[in-house]
Amino acid sequence: MPTARVPDPQFRKMLSGFGMTFAEILYRMPDHPSFLQSFSWQFEDMAPDYPRLRRFLDHWEREIEAKIHSVRISHERLIRPQEIRLMREVGHLH
């Protein structure tokens, strides 16, 4: 009797919309407020809500003294709908 194949959990995440996210957080430390510093982070998250990034930023606001100046986000889905091109003719070489 054949056994059912279980999809890889990582693959399921990709199908549900997770993708690679890059966040650059600019922040100021209390002891040097005139300097902007940068923290870069690459992780998997789901656009457009970014739940993992939001949890991290909430943690930052609660636990870290540095004040966030701005956050820049770049996101790329790892799996997306297939592109379709309509063709007028099909030719054969041999």
PDB file of N, CA and C in Angstrom:
ATOM      1  N   MET A   1       0.842  -1.176   0.000  1.00  0.00           N
ATOM      2  CA  MET A   1       0.000   0.000   0.000  1.00  0.00           C
ATOM      3  C   MET A   1       0.893   1.247   0.000  1.00  0.00           C
ATOM      4  N   PRO A   2       0.701   2.163  -0.971  1.00  0.00           N
ATOM      5  CA  PRO A   2       1.538   3.358  -1.031  1.00  0.00           C
ATOM      6  C   PRO A   2       1.231   4.301   0.138  1.00  0.00           C
ATOM      7  N   THR A   3       2.279   4.950   0.593  1.00  0.00           N
ATOM      8  CA  THR A   3       2.099   5.909   1.681  1.00  0.00           C
ATOM      9  C   THR A   3       1.945   7.311   1.105  1.00  0.00           C
ATOM     10  N   ALA A   4       1.158   8.109   1.782  1.00  0.00           N
ATOM     11  CA  ALA A   4       0.955   9.490   1.340  1.00  0.00           C
ATOM     12  C   ALA A   4       2.196  10.313   1.663  1.00  0.00           C
ATOM     13  N   ARG A   5       2.591  11.141   0.719  1.00  0.00           N
ATOM     14  CA  ARG A   5       3.750  12.010   0.938  1.00  0.00           C
ATOM     15  C   ARG A   5       3.299  13.265   1.670  1.00  0.00           C
ATOM     16  N   VAL A   6       4.027  13.609   2.680  1.00  0.00           N
ATOM     17  CA  VAL A   6       3.731  14.812   3.454  1.00  0.00           C
ATOM     18  C   VAL A   6       4.644  15.931   2.956  1.00  0.00           C
ATOM     19  N   PRO A   7       4.057  17.055   2.532  1.00  0.00           N
ATOM     20  CA  PRO A   7       4.901  18.159   2.055  1.00  0.00           C
ATOM     21  C   PRO A   7       5.808  18.685   3.166  1.00  0.00           C
ATOM     22  N   ASP A   8       6.979  19.103   2.762  1.00  0.00           N
ATOM     23  CA  ASP A   8       7.932  19.696   3.688  1.00  0.00           C
ATOM     24  C   ASP A   8       7.316  20.952   4.310  1.00  0.00           C
ATOM     25  N   PRO A   9       7.437  21.130   5.630  1.00  0.00           N
ATOM     26  CA  PRO A   9       6.855  22.321   6.270  1.00  0.00           C
ATOM     27  C   PRO A   9       7.386  23.636   5.690  1.00  0.00           C
ATOM     28  N   GLN A  10       8.654  23.647   5.309  1.00  0.00           N
ATOM     29  CA  GLN A  10       9.239  24.853   4.714  1.00  0.00           C
ATOM     30  C   GLN A  10       8.561  25.168   3.377  1.00  0.00           C
ATOM     31  N   PHE A  11       8.294  24.124   2.582  1.00  0.00           N
ATOM     32  CA  PHE A  11       7.621  24.301   1.297  1.00  0.00           C
ATOM     33  C   PHE A  11       6.195  24.807   1.504  1.00  0.00           C
ATOM     34  N   ARG A  12       5.504  24.293   2.520  1.00  0.00           N
ATOM     35  CA  ARG A  12       4.143  24.757   2.827  1.00  0.00           C
ATOM     36  C   ARG A  12       4.143  26.246   3.172  1.00  0.00           C
ATOM     37  N   LYS A  13       5.161  26.684   3.928  1.00  0.00           N
ATOM     38  CA  LYS A  13       5.260  28.103   4.270  1.00  0.00           C
ATOM     39  C   LYS A  13       5.400  28.947   3.007  1.00  0.00           C
ATOM     40  N   MET A  14       6.225  28.478   2.067  1.00  0.00           N
ATOM     41  CA  MET A  14       6.425  29.221   0.825  1.00  0.00           C
ATOM     42  C   MET A  14       5.124  29.316   0.038  1.00  0.00           C
ATOM     43  N   LEU A  15       4.371  28.209  -0.020  1.00  0.00           N
ATOM     44  CA  LEU A  15       3.106  28.211  -0.752  1.00  0.00           C
ATOM     45  C   LEU A  15       2.089  29.151  -0.121  1.00  0.00           C
ATOM     46  N   SER A  16       2.153  29.312   1.189  1.00  0.00           N
ATOM     47  CA  SER A  16       1.182  30.172   1.869  1.00  0.00           C
ATOM     48  C   SER A  16       1.546  31.654   1.792  1.00  0.00           C
ATOM     49  N   GLY A  17       2.670  31.990   1.161  1.00  0.00           N
ATOM     50  CA  GLY A  17       2.999  33.394   0.944  1.00  0.00           C
ATOM     51  C   GLY A  17       4.229  33.903   1.657  1.00  0.00           C
ATOM     52  N   PHE A  18       4.884  33.065   2.447  1.00  0.00           N
ATOM     53  CA  PHE A  18       6.104  33.513   3.109  1.00  0.00           C
ATOM     54  C   PHE A  18       7.192  33.742   2.070  1.00  0.00           C
ATOM     55  N   GLY A  19       8.049  34.704   2.337  1.00  0.00           N
ATOM     56  CA  GLY A  19       9.153  34.987   1.440  1.00  0.00           C
ATOM     57  C   GLY A  19      10.313  35.587   2.207  1.00  0.00           C
ATOM     58  N   MET A  20      11.423  35.787   1.508  1.00  0.00           N
ATOM     59  CA  MET A  20      12.597  36.385   2.130  1.00  0.00           C
ATOM     60  C   MET A  20      12.350  37.871   2.332  1.00  0.00           C
ATOM     61  N   THR A  21      12.615  38.323   3.529  1.00  0.00           N
ATOM     62  CA  THR A  21      12.426  39.724   3.889  1.00  0.00           C
ATOM     63  C   THR A  21      13.749  40.268   4.408  1.00  0.00           C
ATOM     64  N   PHE A  22      14.066  41.467   3.990  1.00  0.00           N
ATOM     65  CA  PHE A  22      15.254  42.155   4.481  1.00  0.00           C
ATOM     66  C   PHE A  22      14.775  43.452   5.117  1.00  0.00           C
ATOM     67  N   ALA A  23      15.182  43.685   6.362  1.00  0.00           N
ATOM     68  CA  ALA A  23      14.802  44.914   7.062  1.00  0.00           C
ATOM     69  C   ALA A  23      16.059  45.664   7.474  1.00  0.00           C
ATOM     70  N   GLU A  24      16.082  46.951   7.182  1.00  0.00           N
ATOM     71  CA  GLU A  24      17.148  47.823   7.660  1.00  0.00           C
ATOM     72  C   GLU A  24      16.507  48.796   8.643  1.00  0.00           C
ATOM     73  N   ILE A  25      16.956  48.739   9.885  1.00  0.00           N
ATOM     74  CA  ILE A  25      16.401  49.572  10.945  1.00  0.00           C
ATOM     75  C   ILE A  25      17.427  50.650  11.290  1.00  0.00           C
ATOM     76  N   LEU A  26      17.031  51.897  11.136  1.00  0.00           N
ATOM     77  CA  LEU A  26      17.879  53.014  11.551  1.00  0.00           C
ATOM     78  C   LEU A  26      17.402  53.457  12.924  1.00  0.00           C
ATOM     79  N   TYR A  27      18.353  53.646  13.842  1.00  0.00           N
ATOM     80  CA  TYR A  27      17.985  53.965  15.222  1.00  0.00           C
ATOM     81  C   TYR A  27      18.995  54.927  15.835  1.00  0.00           C
ATOM     82  N   ARG A  28      18.596  55.515  16.941  1.00  0.00           N
ATOM     83  CA  ARG A  28      19.453  56.436  17.696  1.00  0.00           C
ATOM     84  C   ARG A  28      19.601  55.916  19.120  1.00  0.00           C
ATOM     85  N   MET A  29      20.840  55.904  19.604  1.00  0.00           N
ATOM     86  CA  MET A  29      21.110  55.535  20.994  1.00  0.00           C
ATOM     87  C   MET A  29      20.931  56.779  21.873  1.00  0.00           C
ATOM     88  N   PRO A  30      20.438  56.607  23.103  1.00  0.00           N
ATOM     89  CA  PRO A  30      20.210  57.767  23.978  1.00  0.00           C
ATOM     90  C   PRO A  30      21.483  58.564  24.277  1.00  0.00           C
ATOM     91  N   ASP A  31      22.624  57.894  24.369  1.00  0.00           N
ATOM     92  CA  ASP A  31      23.858  58.603  24.705  1.00  0.00           C
ATOM     93  C   ASP A  31      24.493  59.319  23.509  1.00  0.00           C
ATOM     94  N   HIS A  32      24.044  59.009  22.270  1.00  0.00           N
ATOM     95  CA  HIS A  32      24.540  59.687  21.059  1.00  0.00           C
ATOM     96  C   HIS A  32      23.356  59.985  20.128  1.00  0.00           C
ATOM     97  N   PRO A  33      22.468  60.890  20.512  1.00  0.00           N
ATOM     98  CA  PRO A  33      21.247  61.103  19.721  1.00  0.00           C
ATOM     99  C   PRO A  33      21.475  61.719  18.339  1.00  0.00           C
ATOM    100  N   SER A  34      22.648  62.286  18.101  1.00  0.00           N
ATOM    101  CA  SER A  34      22.887  62.890  16.784  1.00  0.00           C
ATOM    102  C   SER A  34      23.383  61.880  15.749  1.00  0.00           C
ATOM    103  N   PHE A  35      23.703  60.659  16.175  1.00  0.00           N
ATOM    104  CA  PHE A  35      24.181  59.620  15.255  1.00  0.00           C
ATOM    105  C   PHE A  35      23.065  58.637  14.925  1.00  0.00           C
ATOM    106  N   LEU A  36      22.899  58.375  13.633  1.00  0.00           N
ATOM    107  CA  LEU A  36      21.996  57.305  13.197  1.00  0.00           C
ATOM    108  C   LEU A  36      22.825  56.044  13.032  1.00  0.00           C
ATOM    109  N   GLN A  37      22.357  54.965  13.615  1.00  0.00           N
ATOM    110  CA  GLN A  37      23.034  53.680  13.472  1.00  0.00           C
ATOM    111  C   GLN A  37      22.104  52.723  12.741  1.00  0.00           C
ATOM    112  N   SER A  38      22.672  51.671  12.189  1.00  0.00           N
ATOM    113  CA  SER A  38      21.910  50.760  11.344  1.00  0.00           C
ATOM    114  C   SER A  38      21.989  49.332  11.863  1.00  0.00           C
ATOM    115  N   PHE A  39      20.841  48.642  11.798  1.00  0.00           N
ATOM    116  CA  PHE A  39      20.763  47.220  12.106  1.00  0.00           C
ATOM    117  C   PHE A  39      20.079  46.558  10.918  1.00  0.00           C
ATOM    118  N   SER A  40      20.721  45.560  10.306  1.00  0.00           N
ATOM    119  CA  SER A  40      20.159  44.853   9.149  1.00  0.00           C
ATOM    120  C   SER A  40      19.814  43.435   9.548  1.00  0.00           C
ATOM    121  N   TRP A  41      18.687  42.941   9.008  1.00  0.00           N
ATOM    122  CA  TRP A  41      18.194  41.623   9.394  1.00  0.00           C
ATOM    123  C   TRP A  41      17.513  40.978   8.193  1.00  0.00           C
ATOM    124  N   GLN A  42      17.865  39.724   7.905  1.00  0.00           N
ATOM    125  CA  GLN A  42      17.243  38.962   6.825  1.00  0.00           C
ATOM    126  C   GLN A  42      16.533  37.770   7.440  1.00  0.00           C
ATOM    127  N   PHE A  43      15.266  37.554   7.061  1.00  0.00           N
ATOM    128  CA  PHE A  43      14.448  36.516   7.685  1.00  0.00           C
ATOM    129  C   PHE A  43      13.264  36.204   6.776  1.00  0.00           C
ATOM    130  N   GLU A  44      12.504  35.166   7.128  1.00  0.00           N
ATOM    131  CA  GLU A  44      11.296  34.819   6.380  1.00  0.00           C
ATOM    132  C   GLU A  44      10.097  35.456   7.062  1.00  0.00           C
ATOM    133  N   ASP A  45       9.236  36.077   6.253  1.00  0.00           N
ATOM    134  CA  ASP A  45       8.035  36.702   6.791  1.00  0.00           C
ATOM    135  C   ASP A  45       6.984  36.747   5.692  1.00  0.00           C
ATOM    136  N   MET A  46       5.770  37.146   6.051  1.00  0.00           N
ATOM    137  CA  MET A  46       4.673  37.172   5.098  1.00  0.00           C
ATOM    138  C   MET A  46       4.218  38.616   4.865  1.00  0.00           C
ATOM    139  N   ALA A  47       4.355  39.066   3.628  1.00  0.00           N
ATOM    140  CA  ALA A  47       3.886  40.407   3.262  1.00  0.00           C
ATOM    141  C   ALA A  47       2.376  40.342   3.042  1.00  0.00           C
ATOM    142  N   PRO A  48       1.633  41.387   3.215  1.00  0.00           N
ATOM    143  CA  PRO A  48       2.035  42.740   3.580  1.00  0.00           C
ATOM    144  C   PRO A  48       1.972  43.018   5.084  1.00  0.00           C
ATOM    145  N   ASP A  49       1.600  42.031   5.901  1.00  0.00           N
ATOM    146  CA  ASP A  49       1.436  42.297   7.341  1.00  0.00           C
ATOM    147  C   ASP A  49       2.733  42.183   8.134  1.00  0.00           C
ATOM    148  N   TYR A  50       3.666  41.370   7.663  1.00  0.00           N
ATOM    149  CA  TYR A  50       4.967  41.175   8.317  1.00  0.00           C
ATOM    150  C   TYR A  50       4.830  40.878   9.817  1.00  0.00           C
ATOM    151  N   PRO A  51       4.168  39.772  10.186  1.00  0.00           N
ATOM    152  CA  PRO A  51       3.964  39.486  11.616  1.00  0.00           C
ATOM    153  C   PRO A  51       5.262  39.295  12.400  1.00  0.00           C
ATOM    154  N   ARG A  52       6.247  38.652  11.814  1.00  0.00           N
ATOM    155  CA  ARG A  52       7.508  38.434  12.538  1.00  0.00           C
ATOM    156  C   ARG A  52       8.235  39.761  12.769  1.00  0.00           C
ATOM    157  N   LEU A  53       8.277  40.605  11.757  1.00  0.00           N
ATOM    158  CA  LEU A  53       8.920  41.908  11.898  1.00  0.00           C
ATOM    159  C   LEU A  53       8.191  42.755  12.938  1.00  0.00           C
ATOM    160  N   ARG A  54       6.863  42.725  12.916  1.00  0.00           N
ATOM    161  CA  ARG A  54       6.095  43.498  13.902  1.00  0.00           C
ATOM    162  C   ARG A  54       6.382  43.034  15.326  1.00  0.00           C
ATOM    163  N   ARG A  55       6.474  41.716  15.530  1.00  0.00           N
ATOM    164  CA  ARG A  55       6.809  41.200  16.873  1.00  0.00           C
ATOM    165  C   ARG A  55       8.189  41.685  17.300  1.00  0.00           C
ATOM    166  N   PHE A  56       9.142  41.656  16.369  1.00  0.00           N
ATOM    167  CA  PHE A  56      10.489  42.109  16.688  1.00  0.00           C
ATOM    168  C   PHE A  56      10.504  43.598  17.032  1.00  0.00           C
ATOM    169  N   LEU A  57       9.801  44.411  16.250  1.00  0.00           N
ATOM    170  CA  LEU A  57       9.775  45.849  16.515  1.00  0.00           C
ATOM    171  C   LEU A  57       9.058  46.163  17.828  1.00  0.00           C
ATOM    172  N   ASP A  58       8.012  45.406  18.151  1.00  0.00           N
ATOM    173  CA  ASP A  58       7.347  45.566  19.454  1.00  0.00           C
ATOM    174  C   ASP A  58       8.312  45.242  20.585  1.00  0.00           C
ATOM    175  N   HIS A  59       9.076  44.156  20.424  1.00  0.00           N
ATOM    176  CA  HIS A  59      10.087  43.788  21.421  1.00  0.00           C
ATOM    177  C   HIS A  59      11.120  44.909  21.559  1.00  0.00           C
ATOM    178  N   TRP A  60      11.566  45.439  20.429  1.00  0.00           N
ATOM    179  CA  TRP A  60      12.561  46.520  20.431  1.00  0.00           C
ATOM    180  C   TRP A  60      12.030  47.708  21.241  1.00  0.00           C
ATOM    181  N   GLU A  61      10.805  48.127  20.965  1.00  0.00           N
ATOM    182  CA  GLU A  61      10.222  49.282  21.654  1.00  0.00           C
ATOM    183  C   GLU A  61      10.123  49.048  23.164  1.00  0.00           C
ATOM    184  N   ARG A  62       9.806  47.819  23.578  1.00  0.00           N
ATOM    185  CA  ARG A  62       9.660  47.499  25.002  1.00  0.00           C
ATOM    186  C   ARG A  62      10.987  47.336  25.717  1.00  0.00           C
ATOM    187  N   GLU A  63      11.961  46.663  25.082  1.00  0.00           N
ATOM    188  CA  GLU A  63      13.144  46.180  25.788  1.00  0.00           C
ATOM    189  C   GLU A  63      14.453  46.909  25.478  1.00  0.00           C
ATOM    190  N   ILE A  64      14.509  47.648  24.398  1.00  0.00           N
ATOM    191  CA  ILE A  64      15.783  48.250  23.980  1.00  0.00           C
ATOM    192  C   ILE A  64      15.688  49.767  24.115  1.00  0.00           C
ATOM    193  N   GLU A  65      16.730  50.369  24.641  1.00  0.00           N
ATOM    194  CA  GLU A  65      16.729  51.816  24.888  1.00  0.00           C
ATOM    195  C   GLU A  65      16.800  52.640  23.609  1.00  0.00           C
ATOM    196  N   ALA A  66      17.377  52.087  22.573  1.00  0.00           N
ATOM    197  CA  ALA A  66      17.530  52.832  21.319  1.00  0.00           C
ATOM    198  C   ALA A  66      16.159  53.123  20.707  1.00  0.00           C
ATOM    199  N   LYS A  67      16.000  54.337  20.188  1.00  0.00           N
ATOM    200  CA  LYS A  67      14.747  54.739  19.552  1.00  0.00           C
ATOM    201  C   LYS A  67      14.851  54.549  18.044  1.00  0.00           C
ATOM    202  N   ILE A  68      13.847  53.900  17.484  1.00  0.00           N
ATOM    203  CA  ILE A  68      13.831  53.636  16.042  1.00  0.00           C
ATOM    204  C   ILE A  68      13.534  54.931  15.291  1.00  0.00           C
ATOM    205  N   HIS A  69      14.370  55.208  14.295  1.00  0.00           N
ATOM    206  CA  HIS A  69      14.174  56.368  13.417  1.00  0.00           C
ATOM    207  C   HIS A  69      13.328  55.967  12.208  1.00  0.00           C
ATOM    208  N   SER A  70      13.696  54.847  11.558  1.00  0.00           N
ATOM    209  CA  SER A  70      12.964  54.389  10.380  1.00  0.00           C
ATOM    210  C   SER A  70      13.279  52.919  10.124  1.00  0.00           C
ATOM    211  N   VAL A  71      12.386  52.283   9.362  1.00  0.00           N
ATOM    212  CA  VAL A  71      12.564  50.881   8.971  1.00  0.00           C
ATOM    213  C   VAL A  71      12.318  50.797   7.476  1.00  0.00           C
ATOM    214  N   ARG A  72      13.271  50.218   6.757  1.00  0.00           N
ATOM    215  CA  ARG A  72      13.139  50.001   5.318  1.00  0.00           C
ATOM    216  C   ARG A  72      13.031  48.499   5.088  1.00  0.00           C
ATOM    217  N   ILE A  73      12.045  48.080   4.281  1.00  0.00           N
ATOM    218  CA  ILE A  73      11.763  46.657   4.078  1.00  0.00           C
ATOM    219  C   ILE A  73      11.857  46.316   2.598  1.00  0.00           C
ATOM    220  N   SER A  74      12.466  45.160   2.327  1.00  0.00           N
ATOM    221  CA  SER A  74      12.479  44.587   0.987  1.00  0.00           C
ATOM    222  C   SER A  74      11.983  43.150   1.127  1.00  0.00           C
ATOM    223  N   HIS A  75      11.063  42.733   0.247  1.00  0.00           N
ATOM    224  CA  HIS A  75      10.466  41.400   0.370  1.00  0.00           C
ATOM    225  C   HIS A  75      10.371  40.750  -1.006  1.00  0.00           C
ATOM    226  N   GLU A  76      10.675  39.469  -1.062  1.00  0.00           N
ATOM    227  CA  GLU A  76      10.571  38.712  -2.314  1.00  0.00           C
ATOM    228  C   GLU A  76       9.953  37.362  -2.010  1.00  0.00           C
ATOM    229  N   ARG A  77       8.788  37.107  -2.615  1.00  0.00           N
ATOM    230  CA  ARG A  77       8.169  35.784  -2.452  1.00  0.00           C
ATOM    231  C   ARG A  77       9.043  34.752  -3.142  1.00  0.00           C
ATOM    232  N   LEU A  78       9.181  33.605  -2.511  1.00  0.00           N
ATOM    233  CA  LEU A  78      10.026  32.557  -3.075  1.00  0.00           C
ATOM    234  C   LEU A  78       9.283  31.737  -4.118  1.00  0.00           C
ATOM    235  N   ILE A  79       7.978  31.631  -3.975  1.00  0.00           N
ATOM    236  CA  ILE A  79       7.148  30.927  -4.958  1.00  0.00           C
ATOM    237  C   ILE A  79       6.014  31.869  -5.329  1.00  0.00           C
ATOM    238  N   ARG A  80       5.809  32.058  -6.629  1.00  0.00           N
ATOM    239  CA  ARG A  80       4.736  32.939  -7.086  1.00  0.00           C
ATOM    240  C   ARG A  80       4.004  32.263  -8.248  1.00  0.00           C
ATOM    241  N   PRO A  81       2.830  32.775  -8.602  1.00  0.00           N
ATOM    242  CA  PRO A  81       2.102  32.163  -9.711  1.00  0.00           C
ATOM    243  C   PRO A  81       2.945  32.142 -10.985  1.00  0.00           C
ATOM    244  N   GLN A  82       2.775  31.086 -11.736  1.00  0.00           N
ATOM    245  CA  GLN A  82       3.543  30.934 -12.967  1.00  0.00           C
ATOM    246  C   GLN A  82       3.122  31.994 -13.977  1.00  0.00           C
ATOM    247  N   GLU A  83       4.109  32.532 -14.676  1.00  0.00           N
ATOM    248  CA  GLU A  83       3.803  33.497 -15.729  1.00  0.00           C
ATOM    249  C   GLU A  83       3.354  32.744 -16.973  1.00  0.00           C
ATOM    250  N   ILE A  84       2.350  33.283 -17.644  1.00  0.00           N
ATOM    251  CA  ILE A  84       1.798  32.637 -18.839  1.00  0.00           C
ATOM    252  C   ILE A  84       1.926  33.595 -20.014  1.00  0.00           C
ATOM    253  N   ARG A  85       2.445  33.074 -21.132  1.00  0.00           N
ATOM    254  CA  ARG A  85       2.506  33.845 -22.371  1.00  0.00           C
ATOM    255  C   ARG A  85       1.677  33.119 -23.418  1.00  0.00           C
ATOM    256  N   LEU A  86       0.828  33.850 -24.091  1.00  0.00           N
ATOM    257  CA  LEU A  86       0.049  33.260 -25.170  1.00  0.00           C
ATOM    258  C   LEU A  86       0.892  33.272 -26.439  1.00  0.00           C
ATOM    259  N   MET A  87       0.862  32.153 -27.192  1.00  0.00           N
ATOM    260  CA  MET A  87       1.642  32.043 -28.422  1.00  0.00           C
ATOM    261  C   MET A  87       0.687  31.949 -29.600  1.00  0.00           C
ATOM    262  N   ARG A  88       1.066  32.588 -30.696  1.00  0.00           N
ATOM    263  CA  ARG A  88       0.235  32.532 -31.896  1.00  0.00           C
ATOM    264  C   ARG A  88       0.497  31.259 -32.696  1.00  0.00           C
ATOM    265  N   GLU A  89       1.761  30.860 -32.777  1.00  0.00           N
ATOM    266  CA  GLU A  89       2.111  29.689 -33.577  1.00  0.00           C
ATOM    267  C   GLU A  89       3.135  28.853 -32.841  1.00  0.00           C
ATOM    268  N   VAL A  90       3.137  27.575 -33.151  1.00  0.00           N
ATOM    269  CA  VAL A  90       4.149  26.665 -32.621  1.00  0.00           C
ATOM    270  C   VAL A  90       4.846  26.045 -33.824  1.00  0.00           C
ATOM    271  N   GLY A  91       6.164  26.101 -33.839  1.00  0.00           N
ATOM    272  CA  GLY A  91       6.910  25.531 -34.954  1.00  0.00           C
ATOM    273  C   GLY A  91       7.773  24.371 -34.494  1.00  0.00           C
ATOM    274  N   HIS A  92       8.184  23.525 -35.444  1.00  0.00           N
ATOM    275  CA  HIS A  92       9.054  22.385 -35.152  1.00  0.00           C
ATOM    276  C   HIS A  92      10.314  22.515 -36.000  1.00  0.00           C
ATOM    277  N   LEU A  93      11.469  22.204 -35.425  1.00  0.00           N
ATOM    278  CA  LEU A  93      12.724  22.274 -36.164  1.00  0.00           C
ATOM    279  C   LEU A  93      13.006  20.996 -36.934  1.00  0.00           C
ATOM    280  N   HIS A  94      12.652  19.855 -36.413  1.00  0.00           N
ATOM    281  CA  HIS A  94      12.939  18.595 -37.113  1.00  0.00           C
ATOM    282  C   HIS A  94      11.694  17.806 -37.320  1.00  0.00           C
TER     283      HIS A  94
END
